[in-house]
Structure formats: structure tokens, C-alpha cells
Amino acid sequence: MTIERLHSGPRMSQAVIHNGLVYLAGQVGAPGDDAAAQTRAVLASIDALLAEAGTDRSRLLQATIWLADMADFAAMNAVWEDWIGGTNAPTRATGEVRLATPDYKVEVIVIAALP
């Protein structure tokens, strides 16, 4: 089976397509924005990468969400729930971690199926 990589660099690829699945790297928003704005930016990046891979959010299988501070859980969830639309919700885990820089508040990693 082939492995296709999108937007590869020396450290990582933004997406890897293999065996009918699309694996996205962790997506982050603009450093310094609040959690809601970063979540909106992250989800827009996910939409764009999934479209480039040939799929969309309705085919999400799994999401891992990292928050720098669980105090942002409600703000992130409000944006997430609007984006997911109440249907086709993937399995999901959310945890608090120290992200790459203190300016990042949200990072989201997803796996989606191809049609």
C-alpha cells in the first residue's frame, strides 16, 4: 500500500494518507489568540487539510485535543460543538498539557476515513 504525505518538512508532515485513513498532525492557531479564536483557526486548518486529502469532518473517527489550561475547556467546546454540528462526532479525548510555547492554548489531532 502506498503512503502519501501532504506538506512534508524535515520534522513532520501535516497529513499522512494510508490504507483509507487520513492522519493529521497537531494543528494550532495563532499564538497569543484566546482559546476560542485558536480553536476556530485549528478547525479551519483541519477542514482544509481534510479537503486536500479528499475527505471532510463528517468522516472523522478520532480527535485528541490538548489544552494548555482546562479553564479553556468550555470555550473550546463551544466552538467544537458548533463545528461538529451535533452529528458524526468522532471519539474524543481532551487533556491538559504544556504545549510547544505558552502562546498556544489549543492543539487538535484527528484521524479521518476517506470516502
PDB file of N, CA and C in Angstrom:
ATOM      1  N   MET A   1       0.834  -1.174   0.000  1.00  0.00           N
ATOM      2  CA  MET A   1       0.000   0.000   0.000  1.00  0.00           C
ATOM      3  C   MET A   1       0.884   1.245   0.000  1.00  0.00           C
ATOM      4  N   THR A   2       0.382   2.250  -0.653  1.00  0.00           N
ATOM      5  CA  THR A   2       1.142   3.492  -0.727  1.00  0.00           C
ATOM      6  C   THR A   2       0.875   4.355   0.512  1.00  0.00           C
ATOM      7  N   ILE A   3       1.829   5.210   0.769  1.00  0.00           N
ATOM      8  CA  ILE A   3       1.703   6.212   1.818  1.00  0.00           C
ATOM      9  C   ILE A   3       1.907   7.553   1.150  1.00  0.00           C
ATOM     10  N   GLU A   4       0.916   8.434   1.291  1.00  0.00           N
ATOM     11  CA  GLU A   4       1.008   9.774   0.715  1.00  0.00           C
ATOM     12  C   GLU A   4       1.154  10.774   1.854  1.00  0.00           C
ATOM     13  N   ARG A   5       2.086  11.696   1.698  1.00  0.00           N
ATOM     14  CA  ARG A   5       2.333  12.710   2.727  1.00  0.00           C
ATOM     15  C   ARG A   5       2.054  14.089   2.148  1.00  0.00           C
ATOM     16  N   LEU A   6       1.321  14.906   2.901  1.00  0.00           N
ATOM     17  CA  LEU A   6       0.998  16.261   2.473  1.00  0.00           C
ATOM     18  C   LEU A   6       1.773  17.263   3.326  1.00  0.00           C
ATOM     19  N   HIS A   7       2.334  18.251   2.653  1.00  0.00           N
ATOM     20  CA  HIS A   7       3.052  19.331   3.335  1.00  0.00           C
ATOM     21  C   HIS A   7       4.124  18.788   4.271  1.00  0.00           C
ATOM     22  N   SER A   8       5.027  17.993   3.692  1.00  0.00           N
ATOM     23  CA  SER A   8       6.105  17.397   4.470  1.00  0.00           C
ATOM     24  C   SER A   8       7.257  18.365   4.634  1.00  0.00           C
ATOM     25  N   GLY A   9       7.864  18.309   5.794  1.00  0.00           N
ATOM     26  CA  GLY A   9       9.063  19.076   6.083  1.00  0.00           C
ATOM     27  C   GLY A   9      10.090  18.157   6.707  1.00  0.00           C
ATOM     28  N   PRO A  10      11.173  18.704   7.170  1.00  0.00           N
ATOM     29  CA  PRO A  10      12.222  17.861   7.740  1.00  0.00           C
ATOM     30  C   PRO A  10      11.813  17.197   9.052  1.00  0.00           C
ATOM     31  N   ARG A  11      10.809  17.751   9.732  1.00  0.00           N
ATOM     32  CA  ARG A  11      10.408  17.225  11.035  1.00  0.00           C
ATOM     33  C   ARG A  11       9.129  16.405  10.982  1.00  0.00           C
ATOM     34  N   MET A  12       8.206  16.796  10.095  1.00  0.00           N
ATOM     35  CA  MET A  12       6.899  16.136  10.086  1.00  0.00           C
ATOM     36  C   MET A  12       6.124  16.476   8.827  1.00  0.00           C
ATOM     37  N   SER A  13       5.057  15.735   8.621  1.00  0.00           N
ATOM     38  CA  SER A  13       4.081  16.018   7.571  1.00  0.00           C
ATOM     39  C   SER A  13       2.820  16.537   8.239  1.00  0.00           C
ATOM     40  N   GLN A  14       2.084  17.400   7.551  1.00  0.00           N
ATOM     41  CA  GLN A  14       0.823  17.882   8.100  1.00  0.00           C
ATOM     42  C   GLN A  14      -0.272  16.828   8.002  1.00  0.00           C
ATOM     43  N   ALA A  15      -0.164  15.943   7.003  1.00  0.00           N
ATOM     44  CA  ALA A  15      -1.138  14.859   6.859  1.00  0.00           C
ATOM     45  C   ALA A  15      -0.443  13.664   6.230  1.00  0.00           C
ATOM     46  N   VAL A  16      -0.872  12.479   6.649  1.00  0.00           N
ATOM     47  CA  VAL A  16      -0.398  11.229   6.060  1.00  0.00           C
ATOM     48  C   VAL A  16      -1.639  10.418   5.711  1.00  0.00           C
ATOM     49  N   ILE A  17      -1.667   9.939   4.471  1.00  0.00           N
ATOM     50  CA  ILE A  17      -2.797   9.152   3.973  1.00  0.00           C
ATOM     51  C   ILE A  17      -2.308   7.729   3.740  1.00  0.00           C
ATOM     52  N   HIS A  18      -2.998   6.769   4.351  1.00  0.00           N
ATOM     53  CA  HIS A  18      -2.601   5.369   4.211  1.00  0.00           C
ATOM     54  C   HIS A  18      -3.794   4.469   4.513  1.00  0.00           C
ATOM     55  N   ASN A  19      -3.977   3.481   3.664  1.00  0.00           N
ATOM     56  CA  ASN A  19      -4.961   2.429   3.913  1.00  0.00           C
ATOM     57  C   ASN A  19      -6.359   2.979   4.223  1.00  0.00           C
ATOM     58  N   GLY A  20      -6.762   4.012   3.480  1.00  0.00           N
ATOM     59  CA  GLY A  20      -8.099   4.556   3.625  1.00  0.00           C
ATOM     60  C   GLY A  20      -8.294   5.514   4.786  1.00  0.00           C
ATOM     61  N   LEU A  21      -7.195   5.881   5.446  1.00  0.00           N
ATOM     62  CA  LEU A  21      -7.279   6.790   6.584  1.00  0.00           C
ATOM     63  C   LEU A  21      -6.396   8.004   6.358  1.00  0.00           C
ATOM     64  N   VAL A  22      -6.788   9.118   6.969  1.00  0.00           N
ATOM     65  CA  VAL A  22      -6.010  10.358   6.937  1.00  0.00           C
ATOM     66  C   VAL A  22      -5.658  10.706   8.375  1.00  0.00           C
ATOM     67  N   TYR A  23      -4.371  10.817   8.635  1.00  0.00           N
ATOM     68  CA  TYR A  23      -3.865  11.173   9.957  1.00  0.00           C
ATOM     69  C   TYR A  23      -3.326  12.594   9.878  1.00  0.00           C
ATOM     70  N   LEU A  24      -3.833  13.493  10.704  1.00  0.00           N
ATOM     71  CA  LEU A  24      -3.339  14.866  10.701  1.00  0.00           C
ATOM     72  C   LEU A  24      -2.392  15.091  11.863  1.00  0.00           C
ATOM     73  N   ALA A  25      -1.393  15.921  11.607  1.00  0.00           N
ATOM     74  CA  ALA A  25      -0.515  16.385  12.675  1.00  0.00           C
ATOM     75  C   ALA A  25      -1.316  17.306  13.574  1.00  0.00           C
ATOM     76  N   GLY A  26      -0.809  17.570  14.746  1.00  0.00           N
ATOM     77  CA  GLY A  26      -1.456  18.504  15.651  1.00  0.00           C
ATOM     78  C   GLY A  26      -1.550  19.877  15.011  1.00  0.00           C
ATOM     79  N   GLN A  27      -2.737  20.447  15.020  1.00  0.00           N
ATOM     80  CA  GLN A  27      -2.983  21.763  14.435  1.00  0.00           C
ATOM     81  C   GLN A  27      -3.134  22.783  15.561  1.00  0.00           C
ATOM     82  N   VAL A  28      -2.501  23.932  15.369  1.00  0.00           N
ATOM     83  CA  VAL A  28      -2.558  25.010  16.352  1.00  0.00           C
ATOM     84  C   VAL A  28      -2.986  26.298  15.665  1.00  0.00           C
ATOM     85  N   GLY A  29      -3.493  27.229  16.450  1.00  0.00           N
ATOM     86  CA  GLY A  29      -3.911  28.527  15.931  1.00  0.00           C
ATOM     87  C   GLY A  29      -2.813  29.560  16.088  1.00  0.00           C
ATOM     88  N   ALA A  30      -3.179  30.807  15.943  1.00  0.00           N
ATOM     89  CA  ALA A  30      -2.214  31.903  16.046  1.00  0.00           C
ATOM     90  C   ALA A  30      -1.788  32.080  17.501  1.00  0.00           C
ATOM     91  N   PRO A  31      -0.483  32.084  17.749  1.00  0.00           N
ATOM     92  CA  PRO A  31      -0.012  32.273  19.127  1.00  0.00           C
ATOM     93  C   PRO A  31      -0.546  33.581  19.703  1.00  0.00           C
ATOM     94  N   GLY A  32      -1.006  33.497  20.938  1.00  0.00           N
ATOM     95  CA  GLY A  32      -1.484  34.696  21.617  1.00  0.00           C
ATOM     96  C   GLY A  32      -2.976  34.924  21.527  1.00  0.00           C
ATOM     97  N   ASP A  33      -3.653  34.343  20.510  1.00  0.00           N
ATOM     98  CA  ASP A  33      -5.109  34.454  20.442  1.00  0.00           C
ATOM     99  C   ASP A  33      -5.735  33.718  21.620  1.00  0.00           C
ATOM    100  N   ASP A  34      -6.982  34.036  21.939  1.00  0.00           N
ATOM    101  CA  ASP A  34      -7.653  33.315  23.017  1.00  0.00           C
ATOM    102  C   ASP A  34      -8.035  31.909  22.539  1.00  0.00           C
ATOM    103  N   ALA A  35      -8.482  31.083  23.473  1.00  0.00           N
ATOM    104  CA  ALA A  35      -8.766  29.678  23.166  1.00  0.00           C
ATOM    105  C   ALA A  35      -9.835  29.520  22.094  1.00  0.00           C
ATOM    106  N   ALA A  36     -10.874  30.334  22.128  1.00  0.00           N
ATOM    107  CA  ALA A  36     -11.935  30.221  21.125  1.00  0.00           C
ATOM    108  C   ALA A  36     -11.398  30.553  19.734  1.00  0.00           C
ATOM    109  N   ALA A  37     -10.640  31.632  19.620  1.00  0.00           N
ATOM    110  CA  ALA A  37     -10.079  32.018  18.317  1.00  0.00           C
ATOM    111  C   ALA A  37      -9.097  30.964  17.821  1.00  0.00           C
ATOM    112  N   GLN A  38      -8.267  30.439  18.714  1.00  0.00           N
ATOM    113  CA  GLN A  38      -7.335  29.389  18.302  1.00  0.00           C
ATOM    114  C   GLN A  38      -8.091  28.136  17.863  1.00  0.00           C
ATOM    115  N   THR A  39      -9.156  27.793  18.560  1.00  0.00           N
ATOM    116  CA  THR A  39      -9.941  26.617  18.175  1.00  0.00           C
ATOM    117  C   THR A  39     -10.559  26.822  16.797  1.00  0.00           C
ATOM    118  N   ARG A  40     -11.116  27.994  16.533  1.00  0.00           N
ATOM    119  CA  ARG A  40     -11.679  28.263  15.199  1.00  0.00           C
ATOM    120  C   ARG A  40     -10.605  28.123  14.121  1.00  0.00           C
ATOM    121  N   ALA A  41      -9.416  28.653  14.362  1.00  0.00           N
ATOM    122  CA  ALA A  41      -8.322  28.561  13.390  1.00  0.00           C
ATOM    123  C   ALA A  41      -7.884  27.111  13.188  1.00  0.00           C
ATOM    124  N   VAL A  42      -7.793  26.370  14.273  1.00  0.00           N
ATOM    125  CA  VAL A  42      -7.421  24.956  14.201  1.00  0.00           C
ATOM    126  C   VAL A  42      -8.431  24.178  13.359  1.00  0.00           C
ATOM    127  N   LEU A  43      -9.707  24.396  13.607  1.00  0.00           N
ATOM    128  CA  LEU A  43     -10.740  23.652  12.889  1.00  0.00           C
ATOM    129  C   LEU A  43     -10.780  24.039  11.413  1.00  0.00           C
ATOM    130  N   ALA A  44     -10.490  25.282  11.104  1.00  0.00           N
ATOM    131  CA  ALA A  44     -10.389  25.693   9.697  1.00  0.00           C
ATOM    132  C   ALA A  44      -9.204  24.995   9.029  1.00  0.00           C
ATOM    133  N   SER A  45      -8.091  24.864   9.728  1.00  0.00           N
ATOM    134  CA  SER A  45      -6.934  24.132   9.184  1.00  0.00           C
ATOM    135  C   SER A  45      -7.272  22.671   8.955  1.00  0.00           C
ATOM    136  N   ILE A  46      -7.984  22.083   9.903  1.00  0.00           N
ATOM    137  CA  ILE A  46      -8.399  20.686   9.760  1.00  0.00           C
ATOM    138  C   ILE A  46      -9.300  20.530   8.549  1.00  0.00           C
ATOM    139  N   ASP A  47     -10.282  21.421   8.389  1.00  0.00           N
ATOM    140  CA  ASP A  47     -11.154  21.365   7.214  1.00  0.00           C
ATOM    141  C   ASP A  47     -10.343  21.418   5.921  1.00  0.00           C
ATOM    142  N   ALA A  48      -9.383  22.327   5.849  1.00  0.00           N
ATOM    143  CA  ALA A  48      -8.585  22.492   4.631  1.00  0.00           C
ATOM    144  C   ALA A  48      -7.728  21.260   4.353  1.00  0.00           C
ATOM    145  N   LEU A  49      -7.083  20.721   5.372  1.00  0.00           N
ATOM    146  CA  LEU A  49      -6.249  19.533   5.161  1.00  0.00           C
ATOM    147  C   LEU A  49      -7.089  18.317   4.800  1.00  0.00           C
ATOM    148  N   LEU A  50      -8.229  18.144   5.454  1.00  0.00           N
ATOM    149  CA  LEU A  50      -9.094  17.015   5.108  1.00  0.00           C
ATOM    150  C   LEU A  50      -9.594  17.134   3.676  1.00  0.00           C
ATOM    151  N   ALA A  51      -9.956  18.336   3.251  1.00  0.00           N
ATOM    152  CA  ALA A  51     -10.407  18.541   1.871  1.00  0.00           C
ATOM    153  C   ALA A  51      -9.282  18.209   0.892  1.00  0.00           C
ATOM    154  N   GLU A  52      -8.091  18.658   1.194  1.00  0.00           N
ATOM    155  CA  GLU A  52      -6.955  18.353   0.322  1.00  0.00           C
ATOM    156  C   GLU A  52      -6.699  16.853   0.236  1.00  0.00           C
ATOM    157  N   ALA A  53      -6.964  16.147   1.323  1.00  0.00           N
ATOM    158  CA  ALA A  53      -6.777  14.696   1.346  1.00  0.00           C
ATOM    159  C   ALA A  53      -7.933  13.944   0.693  1.00  0.00           C
ATOM    160  N   GLY A  54      -9.052  14.655   0.446  1.00  0.00           N
ATOM    161  CA  GLY A  54     -10.186  14.021  -0.218  1.00  0.00           C
ATOM    162  C   GLY A  54     -11.287  13.563   0.713  1.00  0.00           C
ATOM    163  N   THR A  55     -11.366  14.162   1.894  1.00  0.00           N
ATOM    164  CA  THR A  55     -12.414  13.790   2.837  1.00  0.00           C
ATOM    165  C   THR A  55     -12.899  15.039   3.571  1.00  0.00           C
ATOM    166  N   ASP A  56     -13.693  14.862   4.615  1.00  0.00           N
ATOM    167  CA  ASP A  56     -14.198  16.017   5.363  1.00  0.00           C
ATOM    168  C   ASP A  56     -14.507  15.616   6.796  1.00  0.00           C
ATOM    169  N   ARG A  57     -14.920  16.598   7.583  1.00  0.00           N
ATOM    170  CA  ARG A  57     -15.149  16.384   9.021  1.00  0.00           C
ATOM    171  C   ARG A  57     -16.252  15.372   9.308  1.00  0.00           C
ATOM    172  N   SER A  58     -17.158  15.125   8.365  1.00  0.00           N
ATOM    173  CA  SER A  58     -18.216  14.136   8.599  1.00  0.00           C
ATOM    174  C   SER A  58     -17.655  12.724   8.698  1.00  0.00           C
ATOM    175  N   ARG A  59     -16.388  12.546   8.318  1.00  0.00           N
ATOM    176  CA  ARG A  59     -15.760  11.227   8.323  1.00  0.00           C
ATOM    177  C   ARG A  59     -14.688  11.107   9.413  1.00  0.00           C
ATOM    178  N   LEU A  60     -14.726  12.036  10.381  1.00  0.00           N
ATOM    179  CA  LEU A  60     -13.775  11.949  11.490  1.00  0.00           C
ATOM    180  C   LEU A  60     -14.018  10.688  12.302  1.00  0.00           C
ATOM    181  N   LEU A  61     -12.935  10.039  12.683  1.00  0.00           N
ATOM    182  CA  LEU A  61     -13.015   8.848  13.517  1.00  0.00           C
ATOM    183  C   LEU A  61     -12.581   9.126  14.949  1.00  0.00           C
ATOM    184  N   GLN A  62     -11.526   9.938  15.076  1.00  0.00           N
ATOM    185  CA  GLN A  62     -10.952  10.178  16.395  1.00  0.00           C
ATOM    186  C   GLN A  62     -10.369  11.581  16.466  1.00  0.00           C
ATOM    187  N   ALA A  63     -10.482  12.195  17.635  1.00  0.00           N
ATOM    188  CA  ALA A  63      -9.869  13.502  17.881  1.00  0.00           C
ATOM    189  C   ALA A  63      -9.188  13.472  19.239  1.00  0.00           C
ATOM    190  N   THR A  64      -8.014  14.051  19.289  1.00  0.00           N
ATOM    191  CA  THR A  64      -7.307  14.274  20.547  1.00  0.00           C
ATOM    192  C   THR A  64      -7.112  15.774  20.670  1.00  0.00           C
ATOM    193  N   ILE A  65      -7.562  16.334  21.772  1.00  0.00           N
ATOM    194  CA  ILE A  65      -7.485  17.773  21.976  1.00  0.00           C
ATOM    195  C   ILE A  65      -6.636  18.038  23.206  1.00  0.00           C
ATOM    196  N   TRP A  66      -5.614  18.863  23.009  1.00  0.00           N
ATOM    197  CA  TRP A  66      -4.752  19.271  24.108  1.00  0.00           C
ATOM    198  C   TRP A  66      -5.045  20.717  24.436  1.00  0.00           C
ATOM    199  N   LEU A  67      -5.260  21.006  25.706  1.00  0.00           N
ATOM    200  CA  LEU A  67      -5.461  22.366  26.188  1.00  0.00           C
ATOM    201  C   LEU A  67      -4.318  22.722  27.133  1.00  0.00           C
ATOM    202  N   ALA A  68      -3.817  23.934  27.009  1.00  0.00           N
ATOM    203  CA  ALA A  68      -2.781  24.395  27.936  1.00  0.00           C
ATOM    204  C   ALA A  68      -3.369  24.606  29.330  1.00  0.00           C
ATOM    205  N   ASP A  69      -4.675  24.874  29.384  1.00  0.00           N
ATOM    206  CA  ASP A  69      -5.343  25.132  30.660  1.00  0.00           C
ATOM    207  C   ASP A  69      -6.786  24.645  30.550  1.00  0.00           C
ATOM    208  N   MET A  70      -7.172  23.722  31.416  1.00  0.00           N
ATOM    209  CA  MET A  70      -8.537  23.193  31.372  1.00  0.00           C
ATOM    210  C   MET A  70      -9.583  24.266  31.632  1.00  0.00           C
ATOM    211  N   ALA A  71      -9.173  25.435  32.090  1.00  0.00           N
ATOM    212  CA  ALA A  71     -10.113  26.547  32.245  1.00  0.00           C
ATOM    213  C   ALA A  71     -10.681  26.971  30.894  1.00  0.00           C
ATOM    214  N   ASP A  72     -10.008  26.602  29.803  1.00  0.00           N
ATOM    215  CA  ASP A  72     -10.476  26.922  28.445  1.00  0.00           C
ATOM    216  C   ASP A  72     -11.381  25.839  27.850  1.00  0.00           C
ATOM    217  N   PHE A  73     -11.702  24.812  28.638  1.00  0.00           N
ATOM    218  CA  PHE A  73     -12.494  23.685  28.140  1.00  0.00           C
ATOM    219  C   PHE A  73     -13.844  24.130  27.580  1.00  0.00           C
ATOM    220  N   ALA A  74     -14.563  24.969  28.295  1.00  0.00           N
ATOM    221  CA  ALA A  74     -15.887  25.409  27.843  1.00  0.00           C
ATOM    222  C   ALA A  74     -15.796  26.249  26.575  1.00  0.00           C
ATOM    223  N   ALA A  75     -14.819  27.150  26.502  1.00  0.00           N
ATOM    224  CA  ALA A  75     -14.662  27.995  25.307  1.00  0.00           C
ATOM    225  C   ALA A  75     -14.327  27.141  24.088  1.00  0.00           C
ATOM    226  N   MET A  76     -13.415  26.181  24.258  1.00  0.00           N
ATOM    227  CA  MET A  76     -13.058  25.289  23.151  1.00  0.00           C
ATOM    228  C   MET A  76     -14.262  24.453  22.744  1.00  0.00           C
ATOM    229  N   ASN A  77     -14.976  23.888  23.726  1.00  0.00           N
ATOM    230  CA  ASN A  77     -16.138  23.036  23.433  1.00  0.00           C
ATOM    231  C   ASN A  77     -17.234  23.783  22.694  1.00  0.00           C
ATOM    232  N   ALA A  78     -17.451  25.046  23.016  1.00  0.00           N
ATOM    233  CA  ALA A  78     -18.485  25.824  22.327  1.00  0.00           C
ATOM    234  C   ALA A  78     -18.180  25.916  20.840  1.00  0.00           C
ATOM    235  N   VAL A  79     -16.929  26.162  20.499  1.00  0.00           N
ATOM    236  CA  VAL A  79     -16.527  26.242  19.088  1.00  0.00           C
ATOM    237  C   VAL A  79     -16.581  24.857  18.458  1.00  0.00           C
ATOM    238  N   TRP A  80     -16.067  23.851  19.152  1.00  0.00           N
ATOM    239  CA  TRP A  80     -16.055  22.476  18.650  1.00  0.00           C
ATOM    240  C   TRP A  80     -17.469  21.989  18.345  1.00  0.00           C
ATOM    241  N   GLU A  81     -18.392  22.179  19.288  1.00  0.00           N
ATOM    242  CA  GLU A  81     -19.755  21.673  19.119  1.00  0.00           C
ATOM    243  C   GLU A  81     -20.464  22.354  17.956  1.00  0.00           C
ATOM    244  N   ASP A  82     -20.213  23.627  17.758  1.00  0.00           N
ATOM    245  CA  ASP A  82     -20.775  24.331  16.606  1.00  0.00           C
ATOM    246  C   ASP A  82     -20.214  23.754  15.309  1.00  0.00           C
ATOM    247  N   TRP A  83     -18.920  23.474  15.286  1.00  0.00           N
ATOM    248  CA  TRP A  83     -18.246  22.951  14.099  1.00  0.00           C
ATOM    249  C   TRP A  83     -18.686  21.525  13.791  1.00  0.00           C
ATOM    250  N   ILE A  84     -18.793  20.685  14.806  1.00  0.00           N
ATOM    251  CA  ILE A  84     -19.148  19.280  14.593  1.00  0.00           C
ATOM    252  C   ILE A  84     -20.616  19.166  14.194  1.00  0.00           C
ATOM    253  N   GLY A  85     -21.453  20.119  14.617  1.00  0.00           N
ATOM    254  CA  GLY A  85     -22.834  20.163  14.157  1.00  0.00           C
ATOM    255  C   GLY A  85     -23.774  19.160  14.782  1.00  0.00           C
ATOM    256  N   GLY A  86     -23.377  18.494  15.852  1.00  0.00           N
ATOM    257  CA  GLY A  86     -24.271  17.565  16.531  1.00  0.00           C
ATOM    258  C   GLY A  86     -24.399  16.201  15.887  1.00  0.00           C
ATOM    259  N   THR A  87     -23.725  15.996  14.751  1.00  0.00           N
ATOM    260  CA  THR A  87     -23.772  14.687  14.094  1.00  0.00           C
ATOM    261  C   THR A  87     -22.362  14.273  13.716  1.00  0.00           C
ATOM    262  N   ASN A  88     -22.186  13.001  13.507  1.00  0.00           N
ATOM    263  CA  ASN A  88     -20.898  12.460  13.067  1.00  0.00           C
ATOM    264  C   ASN A  88     -19.755  12.797  14.022  1.00  0.00           C
ATOM    265  N   ALA A  89     -20.044  12.873  15.302  1.00  0.00           N
ATOM    266  CA  ALA A  89     -18.998  13.174  16.274  1.00  0.00           C
ATOM    267  C   ALA A  89     -18.021  11.996  16.374  1.00  0.00           C
ATOM    268  N   PRO A  90     -16.721  12.282  16.361  1.00  0.00           N
ATOM    269  CA  PRO A  90     -15.733  11.214  16.499  1.00  0.00           C
ATOM    270  C   PRO A  90     -15.569  10.813  17.966  1.00  0.00           C
ATOM    271  N   THR A  91     -14.829   9.743  18.201  1.00  0.00           N
ATOM    272  CA  THR A  91     -14.378   9.512  19.563  1.00  0.00           C
ATOM    273  C   THR A  91     -13.453  10.672  19.896  1.00  0.00           C
ATOM    274  N   ARG A  92     -13.321  11.003  21.179  1.00  0.00           N
ATOM    275  CA  ARG A  92     -12.524  12.176  21.508  1.00  0.00           C
ATOM    276  C   ARG A  92     -11.945  12.055  22.905  1.00  0.00           C
ATOM    277  N   ALA A  93     -10.726  12.551  23.046  1.00  0.00           N
ATOM    278  CA  ALA A  93     -10.098  12.693  24.356  1.00  0.00           C
ATOM    279  C   ALA A  93      -9.581  14.118  24.456  1.00  0.00           C
ATOM    280  N   THR A  94      -9.702  14.697  25.642  1.00  0.00           N
ATOM    281  CA  THR A  94      -9.204  16.053  25.880  1.00  0.00           C
ATOM    282  C   THR A  94      -8.387  16.029  27.158  1.00  0.00           C
ATOM    283  N   GLY A  95      -7.216  16.645  27.105  1.00  0.00           N
ATOM    284  CA  GLY A  95      -6.369  16.695  28.285  1.00  0.00           C
ATOM    285  C   GLY A  95      -5.614  18.005  28.380  1.00  0.00           C
ATOM    286  N   GLU A  96      -5.094  18.245  29.546  1.00  0.00           N
ATOM    287  CA  GLU A  96      -4.293  19.444  29.783  1.00  0.00           C
ATOM    288  C   GLU A  96      -2.818  19.075  29.685  1.00  0.00           C
ATOM    289  N   VAL A  97      -2.084  19.833  28.871  1.00  0.00           N
ATOM    290  CA  VAL A  97      -0.654  19.591  28.683  1.00  0.00           C
ATOM    291  C   VAL A  97       0.066  20.927  28.512  1.00  0.00           C
ATOM    292  N   ARG A  98       1.370  20.880  28.641  1.00  0.00           N
ATOM    293  CA  ARG A  98       2.183  22.042  28.305  1.00  0.00           C
ATOM    294  C   ARG A  98       2.441  21.961  26.802  1.00  0.00           C
ATOM    295  N   LEU A  99       1.972  22.951  26.048  1.00  0.00           N
ATOM    296  CA  LEU A  99       2.119  22.955  24.597  1.00  0.00           C
ATOM    297  C   LEU A  99       3.487  23.531  24.212  1.00  0.00           C
ATOM    298  N   ALA A 100       3.788  23.553  22.926  1.00  0.00           N
ATOM    299  CA  ALA A 100       5.111  23.927  22.429  1.00  0.00           C
ATOM    300  C   ALA A 100       5.586  25.289  22.918  1.00  0.00           C
ATOM    301  N   THR A 101       4.686  26.249  22.988  1.00  0.00           N
ATOM    302  CA  THR A 101       5.015  27.557  23.562  1.00  0.00           C
ATOM    303  C   THR A 101       3.834  27.985  24.434  1.00  0.00           C
ATOM    304  N   PRO A 102       4.070  28.861  25.393  1.00  0.00           N
ATOM    305  CA  PRO A 102       2.966  29.310  26.248  1.00  0.00           C
ATOM    306  C   PRO A 102       1.884  30.083  25.497  1.00  0.00           C
ATOM    307  N   ASP A 103       2.176  30.528  24.270  1.00  0.00           N
ATOM    308  CA  ASP A 103       1.191  31.274  23.478  1.00  0.00           C
ATOM    309  C   ASP A 103       0.146  30.376  22.833  1.00  0.00           C
ATOM    310  N   TYR A 104       0.402  29.069  22.789  1.00  0.00           N
ATOM    311  CA  TYR A 104      -0.589  28.141  22.253  1.00  0.00           C
ATOM    312  C   TYR A 104      -1.506  27.696  23.380  1.00  0.00           C
ATOM    313  N   LYS A 105      -2.797  27.729  23.107  1.00  0.00           N
ATOM    314  CA  LYS A 105      -3.785  27.323  24.104  1.00  0.00           C
ATOM    315  C   LYS A 105      -4.483  26.021  23.738  1.00  0.00           C
ATOM    316  N   VAL A 106      -4.517  25.700  22.429  1.00  0.00           N
ATOM    317  CA  VAL A 106      -5.262  24.536  21.936  1.00  0.00           C
ATOM    318  C   VAL A 106      -4.460  23.853  20.832  1.00  0.00           C
ATOM    319  N   GLU A 107      -4.420  22.537  20.865  1.00  0.00           N
ATOM    320  CA  GLU A 107      -3.864  21.748  19.757  1.00  0.00           C
ATOM    321  C   GLU A 107      -4.807  20.570  19.529  1.00  0.00           C
ATOM    322  N   VAL A 108      -5.128  20.305  18.260  1.00  0.00           N
ATOM    323  CA  VAL A 108      -6.072  19.232  17.926  1.00  0.00           C
ATOM    324  C   VAL A 108      -5.432  18.307  16.903  1.00  0.00           C
ATOM    325  N   ILE A 109      -5.555  17.012  17.157  1.00  0.00           N
ATOM    326  CA  ILE A 109      -5.057  15.955  16.270  1.00  0.00           C
ATOM    327  C   ILE A 109      -6.262  15.100  15.879  1.00  0.00           C
ATOM    328  N   VAL A 110      -6.425  14.816  14.600  1.00  0.00           N
ATOM    329  CA  VAL A 110      -7.561  13.992  14.180  1.00  0.00           C
ATOM    330  C   VAL A 110      -7.126  12.887  13.211  1.00  0.00           C
ATOM    331  N   ILE A 111      -7.979  11.873  13.157  1.00  0.00           N
ATOM    332  CA  ILE A 111      -7.887  10.804  12.166  1.00  0.00           C
ATOM    333  C   ILE A 111      -9.244  10.735  11.496  1.00  0.00           C
ATOM    334  N   ALA A 112      -9.236  10.650  10.163  1.00  0.00           N
ATOM    335  CA  ALA A 112     -10.486  10.591   9.401  1.00  0.00           C
ATOM    336  C   ALA A 112     -10.406   9.481   8.370  1.00  0.00           C
ATOM    337  N   ALA A 113     -11.566   8.991   7.974  1.00  0.00           N
ATOM    338  CA  ALA A 113     -11.660   7.985   6.920  1.00  0.00           C
ATOM    339  C   ALA A 113     -11.824   8.672   5.573  1.00  0.00           C
ATOM    340  N   LEU A 114     -11.285   8.064   4.549  1.00  0.00           N
ATOM    341  CA  LEU A 114     -11.546   8.519   3.181  1.00  0.00           C
ATOM    342  C   LEU A 114     -12.894   7.958   2.741  1.00  0.00           C
ATOM    343  N   PRO A 115     -13.558   8.620   1.790  1.00  0.00           N
ATOM    344  CA  PRO A 115     -14.836   8.078   1.309  1.00  0.00           C
ATOM    345  C   PRO A 115     -14.651   6.745   0.593  1.00  0.00           C
TER     346      PRO A 115
END
